[in-house]
Every structure is written in C-alpha cells, then in structure tokens.
Amino acid sequence: MPSQPTFEPAPLFACLERHQVDYIVIGGLAGFAHGAGWPTYDADIVVERSPQNLSRLLVVLRDVDAIYDTFHQPPLRPDERLLALGSGPQLFRTKYGRLDVLKEAGGETYDSLTSDAVASQLYGVVVRCAGLEALLRMKRAANRPKDQPAIAKIEAKLREREQSPE
C-alpha cells in the first residue's frame, strides 16, 4: 500500500454502511454536507462504542486494509484489543486514504452527536453527519490555529440559516 493513497471517501463510507457500523461523520466532510466545508484529506468519524459495533468496525478496517498511521515497523494492524483501548483518536491509513476514528471529539460522543445529526448524501452514500452547532463546539474545543477558518465558515452558515425564512 502506498504511504499516501489518493483520498477516496466513497468506498470508505460504502464499506461502513455495508457492515452497518454506527458512526457519525465530523470534520470537513460534515461541514461540506452543510455547505460550510473546508479542505480535508481524510474522513473523521465518531463511532458508537459498544463491543458489537467495534467488531463491525474491525471488519471494515480489515476490508480497507487499514494500518495505524504510525512509524511502527512492521505496520500495526487494528485488532479488537487495540480498538477498545482508550478514548483518543485512532488514525488509520487505508487503501482509500486516511480514516480517523474517534470515540469522542471535543467533548462530543456518538450519543451526544445523535441528537442533532442529519442524514446527508456524501459521495453517493447516505451518512449521518454532526449538526453545525456540534461541529462548532468541537472546533472551538480544539482551539487550534488551523481551525479558525472552519469556525468562521460554520458561524457564517449558522447566521445565514438564522436569517433565511423557513
């Protein structure tokens, strides 16, 4: 597998859907679904943490030839034990590009994100995306300089929604 494969989100999402993984898209792709996206070269998802869902996710990771995005040699492949560890992000390189799997992001979990998640079609697959307000909370919590343009885009889209009649 090349170190930097072309980013192809469609087959990643199709595989997640085929294996019925419960997840919510966050980050740039979710922003894009709301018309407030920013350049991104990976898919960021927050997953439901039950053992059954993590088992389905593991099948997906095997199907897409995922390895952890580390310098570990030989490359480190996900397994049930590694997937269940901790709450931090698990970053993968796949044959379709980067996939970042999170159990929480900026204090948001799968359960907290479901309340305002919206179904959106991304790359031919219907996925659930975090709501704009949740995206804003996550970006503000990260508080990184690179997030400032995304925050501005989200805030502008929220103002636009408030001003447009229903």
Protein backbone atom coordinates (compact mmCIF):
# COMPACT_ATOMS: atom_id res chain seq x y z
CA MET A 1 0.00 0.00 0.00
CA PRO A 2 1.43 3.42 -0.92
CA SER A 3 2.17 5.70 2.02
CA GLN A 4 -0.20 8.41 0.75
CA PRO A 5 -3.01 6.85 -1.30
CA THR A 6 -5.49 9.12 -3.02
CA PHE A 7 -8.34 10.04 -0.72
CA GLU A 8 -11.50 8.24 -1.87
CA PRO A 9 -14.25 8.62 0.75
CA ALA A 10 -16.98 6.86 -1.28
CA PRO A 11 -15.66 3.31 -0.80
CA LEU A 12 -14.88 4.00 2.86
CA PHE A 13 -18.46 5.12 3.54
CA ALA A 14 -19.91 2.31 1.42
CA CYS A 15 -17.96 -0.26 3.44
CA LEU A 16 -19.04 1.30 6.76
CA GLU A 17 -22.66 1.19 5.62
CA ARG A 18 -22.43 -2.34 4.22
CA HIS A 19 -21.21 -3.60 7.60
CA GLN A 20 -23.78 -1.49 9.49
CA VAL A 21 -21.28 0.40 11.64
CA ASP A 22 -22.92 3.06 13.79
CA TYR A 23 -20.95 6.28 13.29
CA ILE A 24 -21.35 10.00 12.70
CA VAL A 25 -19.22 11.96 10.25
CA ILE A 26 -17.50 15.01 11.73
CA GLY A 27 -14.83 17.40 10.48
CA GLY A 28 -14.51 18.83 7.00
CA LEU A 29 -16.75 16.28 5.29
CA ALA A 30 -19.59 17.02 7.72
CA GLY A 31 -19.02 20.74 7.16
CA PHE A 32 -19.16 20.10 3.42
CA ALA A 33 -22.52 18.31 3.84
CA HIS A 34 -23.88 21.51 5.46
CA GLY A 35 -22.42 23.79 2.80
CA ALA A 36 -19.74 25.04 5.19
CA GLY A 37 -16.88 22.69 4.39
CA TRP A 38 -13.18 23.24 4.34
CA PRO A 39 -10.38 21.37 2.59
CA THR A 40 -9.85 17.92 4.06
CA TYR A 41 -7.90 14.87 3.06
CA ASP A 42 -9.39 12.37 5.46
CA ALA A 43 -12.68 11.08 6.81
CA ASP A 44 -13.29 11.78 10.50
CA ILE A 45 -15.91 9.70 12.27
CA VAL A 46 -17.12 9.28 15.83
CA VAL A 47 -18.18 5.69 16.49
CA GLU A 48 -20.64 4.13 18.89
CA ARG A 49 -18.50 2.28 21.44
CA SER A 50 -20.37 -0.99 22.05
CA PRO A 51 -18.33 -4.19 21.58
CA GLN A 52 -20.69 -5.25 18.79
CA ASN A 53 -20.18 -2.02 16.86
CA LEU A 54 -16.42 -2.10 17.35
CA SER A 55 -16.44 -5.68 15.99
CA ARG A 56 -18.27 -4.47 12.87
CA LEU A 57 -15.78 -1.61 12.57
CA LEU A 58 -12.90 -4.09 12.76
CA VAL A 59 -14.35 -5.98 9.77
CA VAL A 60 -14.44 -2.70 7.83
CA LEU A 61 -10.86 -1.86 8.80
CA ARG A 62 -9.73 -5.24 7.55
CA ASP A 63 -11.70 -4.82 4.31
CA VAL A 64 -10.00 -1.48 3.58
CA ASP A 65 -6.51 -2.77 4.52
CA ALA A 66 -6.21 -0.34 7.44
CA ILE A 67 -2.99 0.11 9.33
CA TYR A 68 -2.34 2.55 12.14
CA ASP A 69 -0.81 5.79 10.89
CA THR A 70 2.42 5.38 12.81
CA PHE A 71 6.04 4.69 12.00
CA HIS A 72 5.73 1.25 13.60
CA GLN A 73 7.52 -1.49 11.65
CA PRO A 74 6.10 -3.82 10.68
CA PRO A 75 2.90 -1.78 10.23
CA LEU A 76 0.48 -2.16 13.10
CA ARG A 77 -2.93 -3.55 12.14
CA PRO A 78 -6.04 -2.96 14.25
CA ASP A 79 -7.43 -5.74 16.40
CA GLU A 80 -10.23 -5.97 19.00
CA ARG A 81 -7.93 -5.09 21.89
CA LEU A 82 -6.44 -2.02 20.21
CA LEU A 83 -9.83 -0.73 19.05
CA ALA A 84 -11.27 -0.97 22.55
CA LEU A 85 -8.39 0.93 24.17
CA GLY A 86 -8.82 4.46 25.47
CA SER A 87 -10.85 7.35 24.16
CA GLY A 88 -8.25 9.04 21.96
CA PRO A 89 -8.31 9.13 18.18
CA GLN A 90 -7.21 6.11 16.20
CA LEU A 91 -5.74 7.25 12.91
CA PHE A 92 -5.56 4.82 10.01
CA ARG A 93 -4.11 4.69 6.54
CA THR A 94 -6.30 2.62 4.22
CA LYS A 95 -6.22 1.74 0.54
CA TYR A 96 -8.71 4.64 0.13
CA GLY A 97 -6.82 7.23 2.18
CA ARG A 98 -6.96 8.42 5.77
CA LEU A 99 -9.70 7.40 8.17
CA ASP A 100 -9.68 8.93 11.65
CA VAL A 101 -11.83 7.01 14.12
CA LEU A 102 -12.73 8.79 17.34
CA LYS A 103 -14.72 7.74 20.36
CA GLU A 104 -15.10 11.39 21.34
CA ALA A 105 -14.14 14.72 19.82
CA GLY A 106 -14.04 17.98 21.72
CA GLY A 107 -16.23 16.50 24.45
CA GLU A 108 -18.77 15.17 21.94
CA THR A 109 -19.55 11.45 21.84
CA TYR A 110 -21.64 9.36 19.47
CA ASP A 111 -24.55 9.65 21.92
CA SER A 112 -24.30 13.44 22.23
CA LEU A 113 -23.96 13.86 18.47
CA THR A 114 -27.05 11.82 17.60
CA SER A 115 -29.46 14.47 18.91
CA ASP A 116 -28.84 16.86 16.02
CA ALA A 117 -27.12 14.63 13.45
CA VAL A 118 -28.51 14.94 9.95
CA ALA A 119 -28.69 12.42 7.14
CA SER A 120 -26.70 13.65 4.15
CA GLN A 121 -25.61 12.15 0.90
CA LEU A 122 -21.83 12.21 0.61
CA TYR A 123 -20.15 10.62 -2.38
CA GLY A 124 -23.24 8.58 -3.22
CA VAL A 125 -23.76 7.18 0.28
CA VAL A 126 -26.30 8.42 2.83
CA VAL A 127 -24.42 9.05 6.07
CA ARG A 128 -25.21 10.76 9.35
CA CYS A 129 -23.27 13.98 9.87
CA ALA A 130 -22.85 16.02 13.03
CA GLY A 131 -25.03 19.11 13.18
CA LEU A 132 -23.48 22.53 12.54
CA GLU A 133 -23.76 23.53 16.20
CA ALA A 134 -21.90 20.37 17.24
CA LEU A 135 -19.21 20.98 14.61
CA LEU A 136 -18.76 24.48 16.00
CA ARG A 137 -18.47 23.18 19.57
CA MET A 138 -15.84 20.62 18.50
CA LYS A 139 -13.79 23.18 16.54
CA ARG A 140 -13.91 25.66 19.42
CA ALA A 141 -12.88 22.95 21.89
CA ALA A 142 -9.90 22.00 19.70
CA ASN A 143 -8.90 25.68 19.65
CA ARG A 144 -6.13 25.18 17.08
CA PRO A 145 -4.99 27.93 14.72
CA LYS A 146 -5.86 25.73 11.73
CA ASP A 147 -9.49 25.57 12.94
CA GLN A 148 -10.10 29.33 12.79
CA PRO A 149 -11.15 29.40 9.11
CA ALA A 150 -13.52 26.46 9.70
CA ILE A 151 -15.03 28.21 12.72
CA ALA A 152 -15.63 31.31 10.60
CA LYS A 153 -17.34 29.25 7.87
CA ILE A 154 -19.58 27.44 10.36
CA GLU A 155 -20.54 30.68 12.11
CA ALA A 156 -21.37 32.27 8.74
CA LYS A 157 -23.55 29.31 7.75
CA LEU A 158 -25.37 29.45 11.11
CA ARG A 159 -26.02 33.21 10.65
CA GLU A 160 -27.26 32.54 7.13
CA ARG A 161 -29.68 29.91 8.46
CA GLU A 162 -30.97 32.25 11.17
CA GLN A 163 -31.62 34.99 8.64
CA SER A 164 -33.37 32.90 6.00
CA PRO A 165 -37.12 32.43 6.38
CA GLU A 166 -38.31 28.86 6.83
